[in-house]
Protein backbone atom coordinates (compact mmCIF):
# COMPACT_ATOMS: atom_id res chain seq x y z
CA MET A 1 -47.62 31.70 6.98
CA LYS A 2 -50.62 29.75 5.65
CA THR A 3 -51.99 32.87 3.98
CA ILE A 4 -48.67 33.58 2.25
CA LEU A 5 -48.34 29.99 1.06
CA PHE A 6 -51.88 29.91 -0.23
CA THR A 7 -51.36 33.21 -2.04
CA THR A 8 -48.18 31.80 -3.64
CA VAL A 9 -50.01 28.71 -4.80
CA LEU A 10 -52.82 30.77 -6.26
CA ALA A 11 -50.34 33.02 -8.04
CA ALA A 12 -48.54 30.00 -9.49
CA THR A 13 -51.87 28.54 -10.52
CA ALA A 14 -52.79 31.78 -12.25
CA ALA A 15 -49.44 31.78 -14.03
CA GLY A 16 -50.11 28.27 -15.25
CA GLY A 17 -53.45 29.42 -16.60
CA VAL A 18 -51.86 30.08 -19.94
CA ALA A 19 -51.43 26.33 -20.43
CA HIS A 20 -54.94 25.65 -19.07
CA ALA A 21 -57.41 28.00 -20.69
CA ALA A 22 -60.20 26.81 -18.44
CA ASP A 23 -60.18 26.15 -14.74
CA PRO A 24 -59.38 22.49 -13.99
CA THR A 25 -62.31 20.21 -13.56
CA THR A 26 -62.64 17.61 -10.85
CA ALA A 27 -61.31 15.01 -13.28
CA ASP A 28 -58.33 17.26 -14.05
CA CYS A 29 -57.67 17.67 -10.33
CA LEU A 30 -57.75 13.91 -9.72
CA SER A 31 -55.48 13.28 -12.74
CA ALA A 32 -53.00 15.98 -11.61
CA THR A 33 -52.90 14.51 -8.11
CA GLU A 34 -52.11 11.03 -9.40
CA SER A 35 -49.51 12.38 -11.87
CA SER A 36 -47.77 14.36 -9.14
CA LEU A 37 -47.35 11.21 -7.06
CA ASN A 38 -45.81 9.28 -9.97
CA LEU A 39 -43.50 12.15 -10.91
CA ARG A 40 -42.39 12.55 -7.28
CA ASN A 41 -41.43 8.89 -7.17
CA GLN A 42 -39.41 9.38 -10.38
CA HIS A 43 -37.57 12.35 -8.77
CA LYS A 44 -39.02 14.68 -11.43
CA LEU A 45 -39.74 17.28 -8.82
CA ARG A 46 -40.30 20.25 -11.11
CA ASP A 47 -42.94 18.40 -13.15
CA ALA A 48 -44.50 17.11 -9.92
CA ARG A 49 -44.78 20.68 -8.64
CA ALA A 50 -46.48 21.76 -11.88
CA GLN A 51 -49.12 19.06 -11.41
CA LEU A 52 -49.62 20.02 -7.78
CA LEU A 53 -50.25 23.62 -8.79
CA ILE A 54 -53.05 22.39 -11.05
CA CYS A 55 -54.81 20.45 -8.30
CA SER A 56 -54.33 23.41 -5.94
CA ALA A 57 -56.76 25.52 -8.01
CA ALA A 58 -59.89 26.90 -6.37
CA THR A 59 -62.16 24.87 -8.65
CA CYS A 60 -60.76 21.59 -7.28
CA PRO A 61 -62.57 19.80 -4.44
CA ALA A 62 -61.58 21.20 -1.06
CA ASP A 63 -59.94 18.01 0.24
CA ILE A 64 -57.88 17.58 -2.97
CA ARG A 65 -56.96 21.26 -3.04
CA SER A 66 -55.76 21.29 0.60
CA GLU A 67 -53.70 18.14 0.09
CA CYS A 68 -52.04 19.55 -3.05
CA VAL A 69 -51.26 22.85 -1.33
CA ARG A 70 -49.57 20.95 1.50
CA ARG A 71 -47.53 18.85 -0.90
CA VAL A 72 -46.42 21.88 -2.92
CA ALA A 73 -44.52 23.09 0.14
CA GLU A 74 -42.86 19.68 0.55
CA VAL A 75 -41.78 19.49 -3.09
CA ASN A 76 -40.49 23.06 -3.03
CA ALA A 77 -38.28 22.15 -0.06
CA ALA A 78 -36.95 19.09 -1.89
CA ILE A 79 -36.18 20.78 -5.23
CA PRO A 80 -32.46 21.68 -5.34
CA THR A 81 -31.33 25.02 -6.74
CA VAL A 82 -28.04 25.98 -8.40
CA VAL A 83 -26.45 29.38 -9.03
CA PHE A 84 -23.97 29.41 -11.93
CA GLU A 85 -21.17 31.98 -11.71
CA MET A 86 -20.03 32.57 -15.30
CA LYS A 87 -16.52 33.96 -15.74
CA ASP A 88 -14.11 34.52 -18.60
CA SER A 89 -10.45 33.51 -18.47
CA ALA A 90 -9.56 36.87 -16.90
CA GLY A 91 -12.07 36.40 -14.07
CA ASN A 92 -14.68 38.86 -15.41
CA ASP A 93 -18.40 38.14 -15.18
CA LEU A 94 -20.07 36.92 -18.36
CA THR A 95 -23.57 37.87 -19.46
CA GLY A 96 -25.77 36.47 -22.17
CA VAL A 97 -24.90 32.86 -21.40
CA ARG A 98 -27.43 30.21 -22.39
CA VAL A 99 -27.64 26.96 -20.46
CA ASP A 100 -29.03 23.65 -21.69
CA MET A 101 -29.56 20.67 -19.41
CA ASP A 102 -29.67 17.13 -20.81
CA GLY A 103 -30.35 18.48 -24.31
CA GLY A 104 -33.17 20.86 -23.31
CA VAL A 105 -33.07 24.59 -22.62
CA LEU A 106 -32.71 25.38 -18.92
CA ALA A 107 -32.17 29.16 -19.14
CA GLU A 108 -31.92 31.46 -22.17
CA HIS A 109 -29.89 34.01 -20.20
CA LEU A 110 -28.16 33.55 -16.86
CA GLU A 111 -28.86 36.44 -14.54
CA GLY A 112 -27.22 35.24 -11.32
CA THR A 113 -30.44 33.79 -9.92
CA ALA A 114 -30.92 30.29 -8.55
CA LEU A 115 -32.26 27.71 -11.01
CA SER A 116 -34.52 24.88 -9.92
CA ILE A 117 -33.15 21.51 -11.06
CA ASP A 118 -34.29 17.95 -10.53
CA PRO A 119 -31.94 15.85 -8.37
CA GLY A 120 -29.57 13.45 -10.08
CA GLU A 121 -26.74 13.53 -12.62
CA HIS A 122 -27.15 16.10 -15.38
CA THR A 123 -25.10 17.30 -18.35
CA PHE A 124 -25.03 21.08 -18.68
CA SER A 125 -24.04 22.91 -21.88
CA PHE A 126 -22.96 26.54 -21.63
CA MET A 127 -23.03 28.74 -24.76
CA HIS A 128 -21.70 32.27 -25.08
CA ALA A 129 -21.12 34.33 -28.19
CA GLY A 130 -17.47 34.22 -29.25
CA ASP A 131 -16.57 31.24 -27.07
CA PRO A 132 -16.68 27.52 -27.87
CA PRO A 133 -19.48 25.62 -26.11
CA LEU A 134 -18.57 24.08 -22.78
CA GLN A 135 -20.03 20.96 -21.19
CA LYS A 136 -19.94 19.98 -17.55
CA VAL A 137 -21.52 17.14 -15.60
CA PHE A 138 -22.82 17.77 -12.08
CA VAL A 139 -24.56 15.50 -9.59
CA ILE A 140 -27.36 17.53 -8.00
CA ARG A 141 -28.53 16.43 -4.57
CA GLU A 142 -32.13 16.60 -3.39
CA GLY A 143 -32.82 19.41 -0.95
CA GLU A 144 -29.55 21.23 -1.77
CA LYS A 145 -30.26 24.94 -1.97
CA ASP A 146 -28.30 27.74 -3.71
CA ARG A 147 -25.39 25.52 -4.69
CA ARG A 148 -22.78 27.69 -6.40
CA GLU A 149 -20.82 26.47 -9.40
CA ARG A 150 -18.09 28.64 -10.94
CA VAL A 151 -17.80 28.06 -14.70
CA VAL A 152 -14.96 29.61 -16.72
CA MET A 153 -15.41 29.92 -20.49
CA GLY A 154 -12.91 30.82 -23.17
CA PRO A 155 -9.19 30.10 -23.35
CA VAL A 156 -7.62 29.64 -19.96
CA ALA A 157 -4.57 31.86 -19.46
CA LEU A 158 -1.62 29.70 -18.53
CA ALA A 159 0.92 31.48 -16.38
CA ALA A 160 4.47 30.78 -17.42
CA ALA A 161 5.70 28.32 -14.93
CA PRO A 162 9.24 28.91 -13.68
CA ALA A 163 11.76 26.43 -14.82
CA ALA A 164 11.94 23.60 -12.43
CA ALA A 165 15.03 23.65 -10.35
CA PRO A 166 17.20 20.61 -10.78
CA VAL A 167 16.45 18.01 -8.23
CA VAL A 168 19.46 17.15 -6.18
CA VAL A 169 19.25 13.79 -4.63
CA ALA A 170 21.38 13.59 -1.56
CA GLN A 171 23.27 10.40 -1.36
CA ALA A 172 24.14 9.00 1.98
CA PRO A 173 27.81 8.15 2.32
CA LEU A 174 28.51 4.56 1.72
CA ALA A 175 28.92 2.63 4.88
CA PRO A 176 32.47 1.39 5.33
CA ALA A 177 32.98 -2.22 4.53
CA PRO A 178 33.04 -4.38 7.62
CA ALA A 179 36.47 -5.18 8.90
CA PRO A 180 37.68 -8.54 7.64
CA SER A 181 37.22 -11.29 10.13
CA TYR A 182 40.48 -12.95 11.10
CA TRP A 183 38.83 -15.94 12.73
CA THR A 184 37.20 -17.56 9.75
CA GLY A 185 35.46 -20.89 9.89
CA ARG A 186 38.53 -22.68 8.55
CA ARG A 187 40.83 -21.15 11.12
CA ILE A 188 38.47 -22.01 13.95
CA GLY A 189 38.33 -25.56 12.63
CA ALA A 190 42.12 -25.62 12.41
CA VAL A 191 42.42 -24.59 16.06
CA VAL A 192 39.91 -27.27 17.11
CA LEU A 193 41.81 -29.93 15.17
CA ALA A 194 45.12 -28.75 16.59
CA ALA A 195 43.75 -28.91 20.12
CA ALA A 196 42.50 -32.43 19.46
CA GLY A 197 45.87 -33.35 18.04
CA VAL A 198 47.67 -32.00 21.10
CA ALA A 199 45.28 -33.90 23.34
CA GLY A 200 45.86 -37.09 21.34
CA ILE A 201 49.61 -36.72 21.57
CA GLY A 202 49.27 -36.08 25.29
CA VAL A 203 47.23 -39.25 25.69
CA GLY A 204 49.79 -41.14 23.59
CA ALA A 205 52.62 -39.84 25.73
CA GLY A 206 50.82 -40.79 28.94
CA PHE A 207 50.08 -44.32 27.79
CA GLY A 208 53.62 -44.58 26.39
CA LEU A 209 55.07 -43.84 29.81
CA ALA A 210 52.64 -46.30 31.39
CA ALA A 211 53.66 -48.96 28.85
CA MET A 212 57.34 -48.45 29.66
CA SER A 213 56.68 -48.68 33.39
CA ARG A 214 54.56 -51.84 33.03
CA HIS A 215 57.17 -53.32 30.71
CA ASP A 216 59.83 -52.82 33.39
CA ASP A 217 57.57 -54.44 36.01
CA ALA A 218 56.86 -57.39 33.76
CA GLN A 219 60.57 -57.74 32.92
CA LYS A 220 61.38 -57.98 36.61
CA VAL A 221 58.75 -60.63 37.29
CA CYS A 222 59.18 -62.66 34.10
CA PRO A 223 62.35 -61.80 32.22
CA HIS A 224 61.75 -64.84 30.01
CA ALA A 225 58.78 -67.16 29.62
CA CYS A 226 56.23 -66.65 32.41
CA ALA A 227 54.55 -69.50 34.22
CA ASP A 228 53.02 -67.09 36.75
CA GLN A 229 49.65 -65.50 35.91
CA HIS A 230 50.69 -62.29 37.57
CA GLY A 231 53.59 -61.94 35.19
CA VAL A 232 51.34 -62.71 32.20
CA ASP A 233 48.95 -59.96 33.30
CA LEU A 234 51.82 -57.47 33.58
CA TRP A 235 53.02 -58.24 30.06
CA ASN A 236 49.47 -57.96 28.65
CA SER A 237 48.93 -54.63 30.42
CA ALA A 238 52.20 -53.31 29.03
CA HIS A 239 51.27 -54.37 25.49
CA THR A 240 47.78 -52.77 25.83
CA ALA A 241 49.21 -49.46 27.06
CA GLY A 242 51.70 -49.49 24.22
CA THR A 243 48.93 -50.08 21.64
CA ILE A 244 46.81 -47.25 23.05
CA SER A 245 49.84 -44.97 23.06
CA THR A 246 50.55 -45.76 19.42
CA VAL A 247 46.96 -45.17 18.34
CA ALA A 248 46.77 -41.89 20.30
CA PHE A 249 50.02 -40.66 18.80
CA ILE A 250 48.78 -41.45 15.29
CA ALA A 251 45.39 -39.80 15.86
CA GLY A 252 47.00 -36.75 17.44
CA GLY A 253 49.46 -36.45 14.61
CA VAL A 254 46.70 -36.67 11.99
CA ALA A 255 44.64 -34.04 13.83
CA LEU A 256 47.63 -31.72 14.08
CA ALA A 257 48.38 -32.18 10.39
CA GLY A 258 44.75 -31.49 9.48
CA GLY A 259 44.71 -28.36 11.61
CA ALA A 260 47.88 -27.14 9.97
CA VAL A 261 46.46 -27.72 6.49
CA LEU A 262 43.23 -25.86 7.34
CA TRP A 263 45.16 -22.96 8.85
CA LEU A 264 47.57 -22.61 5.96
CA THR A 265 45.13 -23.16 3.11
CA GLY A 266 42.27 -21.11 4.48
CA ARG A 267 41.45 -17.77 2.73
CA ASN A 268 40.66 -14.99 5.15
CA GLU A 269 38.03 -12.28 4.56
CA THR A 270 40.56 -9.84 3.13
CA GLY A 271 40.73 -11.84 -0.09
CA ALA A 272 44.37 -12.83 0.28
CA PRO A 273 45.26 -15.85 -1.82
CA PRO A 274 45.31 -19.11 0.08
CA THR A 275 48.55 -20.71 1.07
CA GLN A 276 49.69 -23.42 -1.32
CA VAL A 277 51.31 -26.58 -0.04
CA THR A 278 53.64 -28.41 -2.40
CA LEU A 279 55.09 -31.81 -1.74
CA GLY A 280 58.09 -33.32 -3.43
CA PRO A 281 60.59 -36.12 -2.87
CA GLY A 282 61.94 -35.29 0.56
CA THR A 283 60.64 -31.68 0.40
CA LEU A 284 57.71 -29.68 1.77
CA GLY A 285 57.01 -26.24 0.26
CA LEU A 286 54.63 -23.49 1.43
CA ARG A 287 53.61 -20.45 -0.63
CA GLY A 288 51.23 -17.73 0.53
CA SER A 289 50.87 -14.75 2.81
CA TRP A 290 50.26 -14.55 6.55
């Protein structure tokens, strides 16, 4: 493996001999080593490899040469490569395509081989006779090998798309309206008032009977003016029961009347018009539906 690598480095060095007419001196080797480090830090891997091939020459000091040979292998592993698959709109392979990268020539003719590219974002321009130039931007990742990118040039054939079928939106059946509530708030209030009215009238009736009974007892003890305290107490008790009975009857009657008004004037949930109450001299009229 070391022999093969060394042979590759020497071959690359020999190929670069066109640019360097003379073998690199020790100063050239030191300069190439330092340049390769700076270029590697700038992610210019292809230029860094070119400098490493210079300091890998046999005329360089042994320690510099061995270090550069080792680093050539590292940079080669880090340099990403891309294979462009050029097609026309019919899917046929294209030949004679030139590729520029970031404004400089990358390949005069694509031949299906992998191209070494520095990592990072690059703008590629593809040119083919008879077709308009095409630009694409790719982000190339360090260490990515033989990445394949399919590039189609020329007019793209558009298949006639079938007419879109009308979209039918299914509508859920409308939910039936809720059944009208018979017991509305007004009617419930009317029932409560009516119950209170009945209770009031019941209380009035009870105290009315008690007042009559106490009145009879007081009449027996003191039919006229009473000088006896017991008779006075009986008359007072009868008057008190009568007053309570009167008040209860009035309150019960008002509650019953209020309940009746709420019941008759309330509009139920069906939207029926409310009952109208009309009052006149000696008359009471009701109009509505039940």
